[in-house]
Amino acid sequence: MRTATPHDCRFQNDVDAVRAADGKVLRVTRPGYGEGDAHASEAEAATLEVDHEIPNDTNLAGLERWIRFALPGFLGVPGLVQSDE
């Protein structure tokens, strides 16, 4: 399996490159943060079409849980198995 993980897609050419490699484009949003940023890269990033939007509306532990357990299923790859230990 070939993987690549850009930390950031701000322009359409970034999205095109991810999709050309059969990748998925995800956006993490945090209500109350990032709105009103006038920088050109932020303005374009807000308009890009993504495959899935992840609401980061709890705390860091909640976002980590989503990444560890839900994201692999969305991407169709093996994920971590939650243990009761």
Protein backbone atom coordinates (compact mmCIF):
# COMPACT_ATOMS: atom_id res chain seq x y z
CA MET A 1 0.00 0.00 0.00
CA ARG A 2 1.30 3.43 -0.96
CA THR A 3 0.47 6.33 1.37
CA ALA A 4 1.10 10.05 1.50
CA THR A 5 -0.09 12.49 4.10
CA PRO A 6 0.11 16.16 3.27
CA HIS A 7 -0.68 18.13 6.37
CA ASP A 8 -2.44 20.84 4.50
CA CYS A 9 -4.28 21.45 1.21
CA ARG A 10 -4.78 25.15 0.59
CA PHE A 11 -5.06 25.32 -3.18
CA GLN A 12 -6.85 23.37 -5.90
CA ASN A 13 -3.56 21.97 -7.23
CA ASP A 14 -2.93 20.39 -3.81
CA VAL A 15 -6.34 18.68 -3.93
CA ASP A 16 -5.74 17.60 -7.54
CA ALA A 17 -2.42 15.99 -6.56
CA VAL A 18 -4.01 14.05 -3.68
CA ARG A 19 -6.83 12.79 -5.89
CA ALA A 20 -4.42 11.89 -8.71
CA ALA A 21 -2.75 9.56 -6.20
CA ASP A 22 -6.17 8.02 -5.35
CA GLY A 23 -6.17 9.87 -2.05
CA LYS A 24 -8.94 11.41 0.03
CA VAL A 25 -9.17 15.06 1.03
CA LEU A 26 -10.40 15.75 4.55
CA ARG A 27 -11.05 19.06 6.25
CA VAL A 28 -10.89 19.54 10.01
CA THR A 29 -13.05 22.43 11.18
CA ARG A 30 -13.17 24.04 14.59
CA PRO A 31 -16.19 26.27 15.22
CA GLY A 32 -15.12 29.76 16.23
CA TYR A 33 -11.58 29.42 14.83
CA GLY A 34 -10.24 30.44 11.44
CA GLU A 35 -13.21 32.44 10.25
CA GLY A 36 -12.37 35.78 8.74
CA ASP A 37 -8.77 35.01 7.78
CA ALA A 38 -8.16 37.20 4.74
CA HIS A 39 -4.98 35.49 3.54
CA ALA A 40 -5.36 34.21 -0.03
CA SER A 41 -4.47 30.62 0.88
CA GLU A 42 -7.07 30.50 3.65
CA ALA A 43 -9.76 32.01 1.43
CA GLU A 44 -9.22 29.41 -1.30
CA ALA A 45 -8.92 26.53 1.17
CA ALA A 46 -12.40 27.29 2.48
CA THR A 47 -13.88 26.77 -1.00
CA LEU A 48 -12.19 23.48 -1.88
CA GLU A 49 -14.36 20.39 -2.32
CA VAL A 50 -13.43 17.73 0.23
CA ASP A 51 -14.37 14.07 0.64
CA HIS A 52 -15.22 14.43 4.30
CA GLU A 53 -15.37 17.18 6.88
CA ILE A 54 -14.31 16.40 10.43
CA PRO A 55 -15.84 18.62 13.10
CA ASN A 56 -13.29 19.27 15.83
CA ASP A 57 -15.96 20.46 18.22
CA THR A 58 -14.99 18.69 21.42
CA ASN A 59 -11.49 18.48 22.81
CA LEU A 60 -8.16 17.04 21.72
CA ALA A 61 -9.07 13.59 23.10
CA GLY A 62 -12.29 13.57 21.05
CA LEU A 63 -10.44 14.45 17.85
CA GLU A 64 -7.83 11.80 18.59
CA ARG A 65 -10.57 9.17 19.08
CA TRP A 66 -12.08 10.08 15.71
CA ILE A 67 -8.70 9.81 14.00
CA ARG A 68 -7.75 6.51 15.65
CA PHE A 69 -11.04 4.66 15.22
CA ALA A 70 -13.30 6.28 12.61
CA LEU A 71 -10.82 7.56 10.05
CA PRO A 72 -9.41 4.15 9.05
CA GLY A 73 -12.91 2.87 8.29
CA PHE A 74 -13.68 5.92 6.19
CA LEU A 75 -10.47 5.45 4.24
CA GLY A 76 -11.01 1.70 3.90
CA VAL A 77 -7.80 0.70 5.65
CA PRO A 78 -7.22 -1.40 8.78
CA GLY A 79 -7.53 0.67 11.91
CA LEU A 80 -6.80 0.32 15.55
CA VAL A 81 -8.92 -2.09 17.53
CA GLN A 82 -10.20 -0.67 20.78
CA SER A 83 -9.23 -2.78 23.75
CA ASP A 84 -11.05 -3.06 27.06
CA GLU A 85 -7.73 -3.57 28.84
